[in-house]
């Protein structure tokens, strides 16, 4: 029972605090730009909001749960044998709750601005649409298949780079630099891959706010828009996360030299002696 309580506590903290904080900053930046019609910010400030939200979300939660703010990342750690499977659904639920509460907080904070901008009609599409403040919708040119490809590629890139940041055999980083690098990575993805659908990358980060908008007045259109787009940012990131994990594990990490680069790496217990068992474990999950 002790481990259950500790696990539930870490998940609650991460979901209720860090995920909510991440959505609060990211969607708050979008709300400011959209409701002001671009007079208080731009596309760049929205991307900065998403990136900085992730940075501070990681700082808030890294001492409790290792900063697992994306269930795709949690899945990757399970596939690699770095955490038990039972943690993954608990993280997913905490992320979903935190994202929902983050969207609710942004809505309360920007309620007046949203009502004035939308003329009191909460819509998903059109010149006064506001649903995009909270979750992703495809651009007019994007097909469902194109959206799947977009999210698989973007999430694979996210996982490859995050694994590289966490891989001490790539070189030890100064304490506190890793969250900043992850934020820079998210900003990079947003600036290079954001125009198709807003680079959701995180299933709970998209679904939690979508559920909130469904009950807050936007209605069932949040699930019908874009030809039933809503499931793409939930399913495709898992595919991309698996692909990114396999690419990094099989093409990069297993080719590290046999001797550790520094004494600090010895404490991590990632000896190449375990190479064959790790690959076997990885393939058993597929």
C-alpha atoms as a PDB file:
ATOM      1  CA  UNK A   1       0.000   0.000   0.000  1.00  0.00           C
ATOM      2  CA  UNK A   2       2.897   2.340   0.651  1.00  0.00           C
ATOM      3  CA  UNK A   3       4.071   2.402  -2.956  1.00  0.00           C
ATOM      4  CA  UNK A   4       0.460   2.903  -4.101  1.00  0.00           C
ATOM      5  CA  UNK A   5       0.056   5.990  -1.952  1.00  0.00           C
ATOM      6  CA  UNK A   6       3.390   7.427  -3.034  1.00  0.00           C
ATOM      7  CA  UNK A   7       2.623   6.744  -6.707  1.00  0.00           C
ATOM      8  CA  UNK A   8      -0.858   8.254  -6.461  1.00  0.00           C
ATOM      9  CA  UNK A   9       0.588  11.295  -4.709  1.00  0.00           C
ATOM     10  CA  UNK A  10       3.230  11.911  -7.379  1.00  0.00           C
ATOM     11  CA  UNK A  11       0.678  11.484 -10.173  1.00  0.00           C
ATOM     12  CA  UNK A  12      -1.758  13.876  -8.482  1.00  0.00           C
ATOM     13  CA  UNK A  13       0.923  16.504  -8.052  1.00  0.00           C
ATOM     14  CA  UNK A  14       2.054  16.206 -11.654  1.00  0.00           C
ATOM     15  CA  UNK A  15      -1.460  16.152 -13.099  1.00  0.00           C
ATOM     16  CA  UNK A  16      -2.981  18.759 -10.820  1.00  0.00           C
ATOM     17  CA  UNK A  17      -0.083  21.169 -10.757  1.00  0.00           C
ATOM     18  CA  UNK A  18       2.436  20.740 -13.538  1.00  0.00           C
ATOM     19  CA  UNK A  19       0.047  19.799 -16.349  1.00  0.00           C
ATOM     20  CA  UNK A  20      -2.374  22.509 -15.305  1.00  0.00           C
ATOM     21  CA  UNK A  21       0.480  25.004 -15.225  1.00  0.00           C
ATOM     22  CA  UNK A  22       1.623  23.960 -18.692  1.00  0.00           C
ATOM     23  CA  UNK A  23      -1.870  24.408 -20.162  1.00  0.00           C
ATOM     24  CA  UNK A  24      -2.409  27.633 -18.255  1.00  0.00           C
ATOM     25  CA  UNK A  25       0.668  29.236 -19.808  1.00  0.00           C
ATOM     26  CA  UNK A  26       0.322  27.698 -23.284  1.00  0.00           C
ATOM     27  CA  UNK A  27      -3.415  28.228 -23.790  1.00  0.00           C
ATOM     28  CA  UNK A  28      -3.209  31.547 -21.965  1.00  0.00           C
ATOM     29  CA  UNK A  29      -0.739  32.781 -24.577  1.00  0.00           C
ATOM     30  CA  UNK A  30      -3.104  31.620 -27.333  1.00  0.00           C
ATOM     31  CA  UNK A  31      -6.100  33.274 -25.678  1.00  0.00           C
ATOM     32  CA  UNK A  32      -4.256  36.573 -25.445  1.00  0.00           C
ATOM     33  CA  UNK A  33      -3.356  36.571 -29.133  1.00  0.00           C
ATOM     34  CA  UNK A  34      -6.718  35.352 -30.451  1.00  0.00           C
ATOM     35  CA  UNK A  35      -9.015  37.511 -28.341  1.00  0.00           C
ATOM     36  CA  UNK A  36      -6.915  40.624 -28.968  1.00  0.00           C
ATOM     37  CA  UNK A  37      -6.917  39.861 -32.714  1.00  0.00           C
ATOM     38  CA  UNK A  38      -3.135  39.907 -32.754  1.00  0.00           C
ATOM     39  CA  UNK A  39      -2.631  43.242 -31.007  1.00  0.00           C
ATOM     40  CA  UNK A  40      -1.199  41.559 -27.904  1.00  0.00           C
ATOM     41  CA  UNK A  41       1.063  38.894 -29.318  1.00  0.00           C
ATOM     42  CA  UNK A  42       1.674  36.832 -32.426  1.00  0.00           C
ATOM     43  CA  UNK A  43       2.218  33.277 -33.645  1.00  0.00           C
ATOM     44  CA  UNK A  44       5.695  33.426 -32.114  1.00  0.00           C
ATOM     45  CA  UNK A  45       4.420  34.403 -28.659  1.00  0.00           C
ATOM     46  CA  UNK A  46       1.968  31.489 -28.737  1.00  0.00           C
ATOM     47  CA  UNK A  47       4.845  29.097 -29.456  1.00  0.00           C
ATOM     48  CA  UNK A  48       6.916  30.703 -26.717  1.00  0.00           C
ATOM     49  CA  UNK A  49       4.002  30.243 -24.323  1.00  0.00           C
ATOM     50  CA  UNK A  50       3.803  26.534 -25.119  1.00  0.00           C
ATOM     51  CA  UNK A  51       7.564  26.122 -24.764  1.00  0.00           C
ATOM     52  CA  UNK A  52       7.870  28.053 -21.505  1.00  0.00           C
ATOM     53  CA  UNK A  53       4.820  26.287 -20.101  1.00  0.00           C
ATOM     54  CA  UNK A  54       6.609  23.000 -20.649  1.00  0.00           C
ATOM     55  CA  UNK A  55       9.825  24.332 -19.079  1.00  0.00           C
ATOM     56  CA  UNK A  56       8.145  25.446 -15.864  1.00  0.00           C
ATOM     57  CA  UNK A  57       5.915  22.374 -15.779  1.00  0.00           C
ATOM     58  CA  UNK A  58       9.064  20.235 -15.838  1.00  0.00           C
ATOM     59  CA  UNK A  59      10.690  22.299 -13.093  1.00  0.00           C
ATOM     60  CA  UNK A  60       7.587  21.936 -10.922  1.00  0.00           C
ATOM     61  CA  UNK A  61       7.324  18.149 -11.282  1.00  0.00           C
ATOM     62  CA  UNK A  62      10.831  16.817 -11.922  1.00  0.00           C
ATOM     63  CA  UNK A  63      11.571  16.182  -8.250  1.00  0.00           C
ATOM     64  CA  UNK A  64       8.374  14.167  -7.763  1.00  0.00           C
ATOM     65  CA  UNK A  65       7.735  12.135 -10.898  1.00  0.00           C
ATOM     66  CA  UNK A  66      10.748  12.868 -13.072  1.00  0.00           C
ATOM     67  CA  UNK A  67       8.778  15.467 -15.051  1.00  0.00           C
ATOM     68  CA  UNK A  68       6.573  13.030 -16.940  1.00  0.00           C
ATOM     69  CA  UNK A  69       4.200  15.563 -18.481  1.00  0.00           C
ATOM     70  CA  UNK A  70       3.370  13.505 -21.562  1.00  0.00           C
ATOM     71  CA  UNK A  71       1.996   9.962 -21.406  1.00  0.00           C
ATOM     72  CA  UNK A  72       3.863   9.215 -24.653  1.00  0.00           C
ATOM     73  CA  UNK A  73       7.098   9.819 -22.747  1.00  0.00           C
ATOM     74  CA  UNK A  74       5.816   7.596 -19.929  1.00  0.00           C
ATOM     75  CA  UNK A  75       5.079   4.888 -22.504  1.00  0.00           C
ATOM     76  CA  UNK A  76       8.592   5.233 -23.881  1.00  0.00           C
ATOM     77  CA  UNK A  77      10.140   4.751 -20.437  1.00  0.00           C
ATOM     78  CA  UNK A  78       8.019   1.623 -19.939  1.00  0.00           C
ATOM     79  CA  UNK A  79       9.059   0.211 -23.321  1.00  0.00           C
ATOM     80  CA  UNK A  80      12.690   0.767 -22.388  1.00  0.00           C
ATOM     81  CA  UNK A  81      12.163  -1.004 -19.071  1.00  0.00           C
ATOM     82  CA  UNK A  82      12.813   2.098 -16.992  1.00  0.00           C
ATOM     83  CA  UNK A  83       9.515   2.100 -15.110  1.00  0.00           C
ATOM     84  CA  UNK A  84       6.692  -0.409 -14.418  1.00  0.00           C
ATOM     85  CA  UNK A  85       3.661  -0.488 -16.713  1.00  0.00           C
ATOM     86  CA  UNK A  86       1.249   0.306 -13.868  1.00  0.00           C
ATOM     87  CA  UNK A  87       2.512   3.886 -13.746  1.00  0.00           C
ATOM     88  CA  UNK A  88       1.516   4.679 -17.331  1.00  0.00           C
ATOM     89  CA  UNK A  89      -2.300   4.713 -16.949  1.00  0.00           C
ATOM     90  CA  UNK A  90      -2.042   6.614 -13.686  1.00  0.00           C
ATOM     91  CA  UNK A  91       0.100   9.269 -15.324  1.00  0.00           C
ATOM     92  CA  UNK A  92      -2.357   9.412 -18.223  1.00  0.00           C
ATOM     93  CA  UNK A  93      -5.289  10.061 -15.892  1.00  0.00           C
ATOM     94  CA  UNK A  94      -3.404  12.709 -13.938  1.00  0.00           C
ATOM     95  CA  UNK A  95      -2.356  14.436 -17.176  1.00  0.00           C
ATOM     96  CA  UNK A  96      -5.950  14.403 -18.417  1.00  0.00           C
ATOM     97  CA  UNK A  97      -7.260  15.921 -15.202  1.00  0.00           C
ATOM     98  CA  UNK A  98      -4.516  18.538 -15.071  1.00  0.00           C
ATOM     99  CA  UNK A  99      -5.069  19.576 -18.688  1.00  0.00           C
ATOM    100  CA  UNK A 100      -8.830  19.816 -18.088  1.00  0.00           C
ATOM    101  CA  UNK A 101      -8.292  22.043 -15.055  1.00  0.00           C
ATOM    102  CA  UNK A 102      -5.753  24.146 -16.929  1.00  0.00           C
ATOM    103  CA  UNK A 103      -8.271  24.807 -19.710  1.00  0.00           C
ATOM    104  CA  UNK A 104     -10.941  25.681 -17.137  1.00  0.00           C
ATOM    105  CA  UNK A 105      -8.559  28.160 -15.502  1.00  0.00           C
ATOM    106  CA  UNK A 106      -7.768  29.859 -18.820  1.00  0.00           C
ATOM    107  CA  UNK A 107     -11.480  30.055 -19.643  1.00  0.00           C
ATOM    108  CA  UNK A 108     -12.250  31.714 -16.308  1.00  0.00           C
ATOM    109  CA  UNK A 109      -9.353  34.129 -16.694  1.00  0.00           C
ATOM    110  CA  UNK A 110     -10.278  35.091 -20.262  1.00  0.00           C
ATOM    111  CA  UNK A 111     -14.041  34.675 -19.969  1.00  0.00           C
ATOM    112  CA  UNK A 112     -14.878  38.322 -20.697  1.00  0.00           C
ATOM    113  CA  UNK A 113     -12.402  38.554 -23.576  1.00  0.00           C
ATOM    114  CA  UNK A 114     -13.722  35.329 -25.134  1.00  0.00           C
ATOM    115  CA  UNK A 115     -17.335  36.487 -24.863  1.00  0.00           C
ATOM    116  CA  UNK A 116     -16.614  39.869 -26.439  1.00  0.00           C
ATOM    117  CA  UNK A 117     -14.463  38.430 -29.237  1.00  0.00           C
ATOM    118  CA  UNK A 118     -16.951  35.667 -30.062  1.00  0.00           C
ATOM    119  CA  UNK A 119     -20.038  37.838 -29.684  1.00  0.00           C
ATOM    120  CA  UNK A 120     -21.331  35.371 -27.117  1.00  0.00           C
ATOM    121  CA  UNK A 121     -21.334  32.478 -29.610  1.00  0.00           C
ATOM    122  CA  UNK A 122     -18.703  29.867 -28.818  1.00  0.00           C
ATOM    123  CA  UNK A 123     -17.668  28.388 -32.142  1.00  0.00           C
ATOM    124  CA  UNK A 124     -15.067  25.946 -33.431  1.00  0.00           C
ATOM    125  CA  UNK A 125     -14.643  27.372 -36.946  1.00  0.00           C
ATOM    126  CA  UNK A 126     -14.950  30.785 -38.546  1.00  0.00           C
ATOM    127  CA  UNK A 127     -13.388  34.223 -38.028  1.00  0.00           C
ATOM    128  CA  UNK A 128     -14.486  34.382 -34.380  1.00  0.00           C
ATOM    129  CA  UNK A 129     -13.673  30.797 -33.440  1.00  0.00           C
ATOM    130  CA  UNK A 130     -12.229  30.344 -29.973  1.00  0.00           C
ATOM    131  CA  UNK A 131     -12.057  26.554 -29.516  1.00  0.00           C
ATOM    132  CA  UNK A 132      -8.518  26.586 -30.943  1.00  0.00           C
ATOM    133  CA  UNK A 133      -7.371  28.402 -27.801  1.00  0.00           C
ATOM    134  CA  UNK A 134      -7.634  25.147 -25.900  1.00  0.00           C
ATOM    135  CA  UNK A 135      -6.896  22.237 -28.253  1.00  0.00           C
ATOM    136  CA  UNK A 136      -5.807  21.443 -31.798  1.00  0.00           C
ATOM    137  CA  UNK A 137      -7.787  21.582 -35.042  1.00  0.00           C
ATOM    138  CA  UNK A 138      -6.484  20.905 -38.553  1.00  0.00           C
ATOM    139  CA  UNK A 139      -5.828  23.674 -41.044  1.00  0.00           C
ATOM    140  CA  UNK A 140      -8.185  23.781 -44.022  1.00  0.00           C
ATOM    141  CA  UNK A 141      -5.587  22.175 -46.277  1.00  0.00           C
ATOM    142  CA  UNK A 142      -4.853  19.237 -43.963  1.00  0.00           C
ATOM    143  CA  UNK A 143      -6.389  15.800 -44.533  1.00  0.00           C
ATOM    144  CA  UNK A 144      -6.819  13.260 -41.750  1.00  0.00           C
ATOM    145  CA  UNK A 145      -4.017  11.157 -43.238  1.00  0.00           C
ATOM    146  CA  UNK A 146      -1.819  14.240 -43.487  1.00  0.00           C
ATOM    147  CA  UNK A 147      -2.526  14.970 -39.842  1.00  0.00           C
ATOM    148  CA  UNK A 148      -1.524  11.455 -38.831  1.00  0.00           C
ATOM    149  CA  UNK A 149       1.759  11.797 -40.704  1.00  0.00           C
ATOM    150  CA  UNK A 150       2.325  15.235 -39.184  1.00  0.00           C
ATOM    151  CA  UNK A 151       1.880  13.970 -35.634  1.00  0.00           C
ATOM    152  CA  UNK A 152       3.871  10.776 -36.116  1.00  0.00           C
ATOM    153  CA  UNK A 153       6.839  12.731 -37.484  1.00  0.00           C
ATOM    154  CA  UNK A 154       6.646  15.526 -34.883  1.00  0.00           C
ATOM    155  CA  UNK A 155       6.251  13.173 -31.904  1.00  0.00           C
ATOM    156  CA  UNK A 156       9.023  10.893 -33.147  1.00  0.00           C
ATOM    157  CA  UNK A 157      11.310  13.928 -33.292  1.00  0.00           C
ATOM    158  CA  UNK A 158      10.216  14.932 -29.787  1.00  0.00           C
ATOM    159  CA  UNK A 159      11.065  11.499 -28.365  1.00  0.00           C
ATOM    160  CA  UNK A 160      14.395  11.201 -30.187  1.00  0.00           C
ATOM    161  CA  UNK A 161      15.568  14.556 -28.875  1.00  0.00           C
ATOM    162  CA  UNK A 162      14.208  14.037 -25.338  1.00  0.00           C
ATOM    163  CA  UNK A 163      15.974  10.681 -25.115  1.00  0.00           C
ATOM    164  CA  UNK A 164      19.169  12.372 -26.283  1.00  0.00           C
ATOM    165  CA  UNK A 165      18.813  15.031 -23.581  1.00  0.00           C
ATOM    166  CA  UNK A 166      18.295  12.331 -20.925  1.00  0.00           C
ATOM    167  CA  UNK A 167      21.119  10.108 -22.204  1.00  0.00           C
ATOM    168  CA  UNK A 168      24.101  10.787 -19.986  1.00  0.00           C
ATOM    169  CA  UNK A 169      26.394   9.009 -22.396  1.00  0.00           C
ATOM    170  CA  UNK A 170      25.867  11.962 -24.694  1.00  0.00           C
ATOM    171  CA  UNK A 171      27.555  14.073 -22.027  1.00  0.00           C
ATOM    172  CA  UNK A 172      26.525  15.351 -18.603  1.00  0.00           C
ATOM    173  CA  UNK A 173      24.393  18.497 -18.607  1.00  0.00           C
ATOM    174  CA  UNK A 174      24.482  21.192 -15.920  1.00  0.00           C
ATOM    175  CA  UNK A 175      21.671  20.810 -13.403  1.00  0.00           C
ATOM    176  CA  UNK A 176      18.564  22.605 -14.624  1.00  0.00           C
ATOM    177  CA  UNK A 177      19.567  22.760 -18.277  1.00  0.00           C
ATOM    178  CA  UNK A 178      17.504  19.765 -19.426  1.00  0.00           C
ATOM    179  CA  UNK A 179      14.093  21.472 -18.926  1.00  0.00           C
ATOM    180  CA  UNK A 180      15.322  24.495 -20.882  1.00  0.00           C
ATOM    181  CA  UNK A 181      16.486  22.264 -23.735  1.00  0.00           C
ATOM    182  CA  UNK A 182      13.114  20.501 -23.825  1.00  0.00           C
ATOM    183  CA  UNK A 183      11.423  23.899 -23.985  1.00  0.00           C
ATOM    184  CA  UNK A 184      13.716  24.912 -26.830  1.00  0.00           C
ATOM    185  CA  UNK A 185      12.833  21.651 -28.583  1.00  0.00           C
ATOM    186  CA  UNK A 186       9.095  22.338 -28.274  1.00  0.00           C
ATOM    187  CA  UNK A 187       9.622  25.862 -29.589  1.00  0.00           C
ATOM    188  CA  UNK A 188      11.586  24.442 -32.521  1.00  0.00           C
ATOM    189  CA  UNK A 189       8.832  21.957 -33.358  1.00  0.00           C
ATOM    190  CA  UNK A 190       6.223  24.692 -33.098  1.00  0.00           C
ATOM    191  CA  UNK A 191       8.114  27.016 -35.413  1.00  0.00           C
ATOM    192  CA  UNK A 192       8.847  24.316 -37.993  1.00  0.00           C
ATOM    193  CA  UNK A 193       5.821  22.002 -37.755  1.00  0.00           C
ATOM    194  CA  UNK A 194       3.046  24.041 -36.211  1.00  0.00           C
ATOM    195  CA  UNK A 195       1.023  25.320 -39.157  1.00  0.00           C
ATOM    196  CA  UNK A 196      -0.729  22.059 -40.028  1.00  0.00           C
ATOM    197  CA  UNK A 197      -2.534  21.456 -36.755  1.00  0.00           C
ATOM    198  CA  UNK A 198      -0.747  23.267 -33.952  1.00  0.00           C
ATOM    199  CA  UNK A 199       1.620  20.381 -33.025  1.00  0.00           C
ATOM    200  CA  UNK A 200      -0.421  18.826 -30.159  1.00  0.00           C
ATOM    201  CA  UNK A 201       2.160  16.040 -29.439  1.00  0.00           C
ATOM    202  CA  UNK A 202       0.528  15.212 -26.107  1.00  0.00           C
ATOM    203  CA  UNK A 203      -2.705  13.139 -26.069  1.00  0.00           C
ATOM    204  CA  UNK A 204      -3.910  14.274 -22.643  1.00  0.00           C
ATOM    205  CA  UNK A 205      -2.914  17.887 -23.311  1.00  0.00           C
ATOM    206  CA  UNK A 206      -5.296  17.842 -26.292  1.00  0.00           C
ATOM    207  CA  UNK A 207      -8.110  15.642 -24.975  1.00  0.00           C
ATOM    208  CA  UNK A 208      -8.453  17.264 -21.537  1.00  0.00           C
ATOM    209  CA  UNK A 209      -9.148  20.775 -22.885  1.00  0.00           C
ATOM    210  CA  UNK A 210     -11.321  19.304 -25.654  1.00  0.00           C
ATOM    211  CA  UNK A 211     -13.527  17.657 -23.030  1.00  0.00           C
ATOM    212  CA  UNK A 212     -13.699  20.953 -21.173  1.00  0.00           C
ATOM    213  CA  UNK A 213     -14.795  22.879 -24.258  1.00  0.00           C
ATOM    214  CA  UNK A 214     -17.385  20.187 -24.971  1.00  0.00           C
ATOM    215  CA  UNK A 215     -19.134  20.808 -21.650  1.00  0.00           C
ATOM    216  CA  UNK A 216     -18.373  24.543 -21.412  1.00  0.00           C
ATOM    217  CA  UNK A 217     -20.484  25.608 -24.395  1.00  0.00           C
ATOM    218  CA  UNK A 218     -18.696  24.682 -27.620  1.00  0.00           C
ATOM    219  CA  UNK A 219     -20.665  21.451 -27.798  1.00  0.00           C
ATOM    220  CA  UNK A 220     -20.260  18.338 -29.905  1.00  0.00           C
ATOM    221  CA  UNK A 221     -18.669  20.299 -32.770  1.00  0.00           C
ATOM    222  CA  UNK A 222     -15.331  19.948 -30.958  1.00  0.00           C
ATOM    223  CA  UNK A 223     -15.483  16.245 -31.895  1.00  0.00           C
ATOM    224  CA  UNK A 224     -16.991  16.685 -35.367  1.00  0.00           C
ATOM    225  CA  UNK A 225     -14.735  19.445 -36.720  1.00  0.00           C
ATOM    226  CA  UNK A 226     -12.074  18.561 -39.260  1.00  0.00           C
ATOM    227  CA  UNK A 227     -13.876  15.403 -40.356  1.00  0.00           C
ATOM    228  CA  UNK A 228     -13.747  13.896 -36.877  1.00  0.00           C
ATOM    229  CA  UNK A 229     -10.195  15.098 -36.252  1.00  0.00           C
ATOM    230  CA  UNK A 230     -10.272  14.686 -32.470  1.00  0.00           C
ATOM    231  CA  UNK A 231      -8.814  11.148 -32.358  1.00  0.00           C
ATOM    232  CA  UNK A 232      -5.736  11.973 -34.458  1.00  0.00           C
ATOM    233  CA  UNK A 233      -3.833  13.906 -31.717  1.00  0.00           C
ATOM    234  CA  UNK A 234      -4.643  11.058 -29.325  1.00  0.00           C
ATOM    235  CA  UNK A 235      -3.564   8.063 -31.401  1.00  0.00           C
ATOM    236  CA  UNK A 236      -0.848   9.389 -33.742  1.00  0.00           C
ATOM    237  CA  UNK A 237       1.503  10.636 -30.971  1.00  0.00           C
ATOM    238  CA  UNK A 238       1.697   7.115 -29.536  1.00  0.00           C
ATOM    239  CA  UNK A 239       2.744   5.799 -32.938  1.00  0.00           C
ATOM    240  CA  UNK A 240       5.294   8.581 -33.299  1.00  0.00           C
ATOM    241  CA  UNK A 241       6.539   8.035 -29.752  1.00  0.00           C
ATOM    242  CA  UNK A 242       7.089   4.339 -30.393  1.00  0.00           C
ATOM    243  CA  UNK A 243       8.877   5.115 -33.658  1.00  0.00           C
ATOM    244  CA  UNK A 244      11.103   7.745 -32.029  1.00  0.00           C
ATOM    245  CA  UNK A 245      11.966   5.397 -29.162  1.00  0.00           C
ATOM    246  CA  UNK A 246      12.923   2.602 -31.541  1.00  0.00           C
ATOM    247  CA  UNK A 247      15.020   4.928 -33.701  1.00  0.00           C
ATOM    248  CA  UNK A 248      16.988   6.265 -30.755  1.00  0.00           C
ATOM    249  CA  UNK A 249      17.393   2.924 -28.995  1.00  0.00           C
ATOM    250  CA  UNK A 250      18.385   0.870 -32.023  1.00  0.00           C
ATOM    251  CA  UNK A 251      20.342   3.405 -34.053  1.00  0.00           C
ATOM    252  CA  UNK A 252      21.990   5.585 -31.410  1.00  0.00           C
ATOM    253  CA  UNK A 253      21.982   4.400 -27.815  1.00  0.00           C
ATOM    254  CA  UNK A 254      23.163   0.841 -28.425  1.00  0.00           C
ATOM    255  CA  UNK A 255      26.207   2.147 -30.274  1.00  0.00           C
ATOM    256  CA  UNK A 256      27.677   4.034 -27.324  1.00  0.00           C
ATOM    257  CA  UNK A 257      31.210   2.943 -26.324  1.00  0.00           C
ATOM    258  CA  UNK A 258      31.542   0.284 -23.629  1.00  0.00           C
ATOM    259  CA  UNK A 259      33.328   2.521 -21.132  1.00  0.00           C
ATOM    260  CA  UNK A 260      31.386   5.304 -19.392  1.00  0.00           C
ATOM    261  CA  UNK A 261      32.392   8.836 -20.230  1.00  0.00           C
ATOM    262  CA  UNK A 262      32.548  10.045 -16.657  1.00  0.00           C
ATOM    263  CA  UNK A 263      32.332   8.681 -13.072  1.00  0.00           C
ATOM    264  CA  UNK A 264      28.938  10.342 -12.694  1.00  0.00           C
ATOM    265  CA  UNK A 265      27.480   8.033 -15.288  1.00  0.00           C
ATOM    266  CA  UNK A 266      28.281   4.933 -13.235  1.00  0.00           C
ATOM    267  CA  UNK A 267      25.540   5.730 -10.718  1.00  0.00           C
ATOM    268  CA  UNK A 268      22.888   5.578 -13.444  1.00  0.00           C
ATOM    269  CA  UNK A 269      23.354   1.800 -13.877  1.00  0.00           C
ATOM    270  CA  UNK A 270      23.087   1.874 -17.641  1.00  0.00           C
ATOM    271  CA  UNK A 271      25.918  -0.545 -18.470  1.00  0.00           C
ATOM    272  CA  UNK A 272      26.199  -1.766 -22.008  1.00  0.00           C
ATOM    273  CA  UNK A 273      26.439  -5.234 -20.456  1.00  0.00           C
ATOM    274  CA  UNK A 274      22.611  -5.076 -20.409  1.00  0.00           C
ATOM    275  CA  UNK A 275      22.368  -4.335 -24.119  1.00  0.00           C
ATOM    276  CA  UNK A 276      21.029  -7.725 -25.216  1.00  0.00           C
ATOM    277  CA  UNK A 277      18.458  -7.967 -22.424  1.00  0.00           C
ATOM    278  CA  UNK A 278      17.198  -4.444 -23.110  1.00  0.00           C
ATOM    279  CA  UNK A 279      16.742  -5.132 -26.805  1.00  0.00           C
ATOM    280  CA  UNK A 280      14.983  -8.408 -25.975  1.00  0.00           C
ATOM    281  CA  UNK A 281      12.716  -6.568 -23.550  1.00  0.00           C
ATOM    282  CA  UNK A 282      12.000  -3.919 -26.168  1.00  0.00           C
ATOM    283  CA  UNK A 283      11.068  -6.438 -28.831  1.00  0.00           C
ATOM    284  CA  UNK A 284       8.790  -8.325 -26.422  1.00  0.00           C
ATOM    285  CA  UNK A 285       6.693  -5.171 -26.044  1.00  0.00           C
ATOM    286  CA  UNK A 286       6.046  -4.959 -29.806  1.00  0.00           C
END
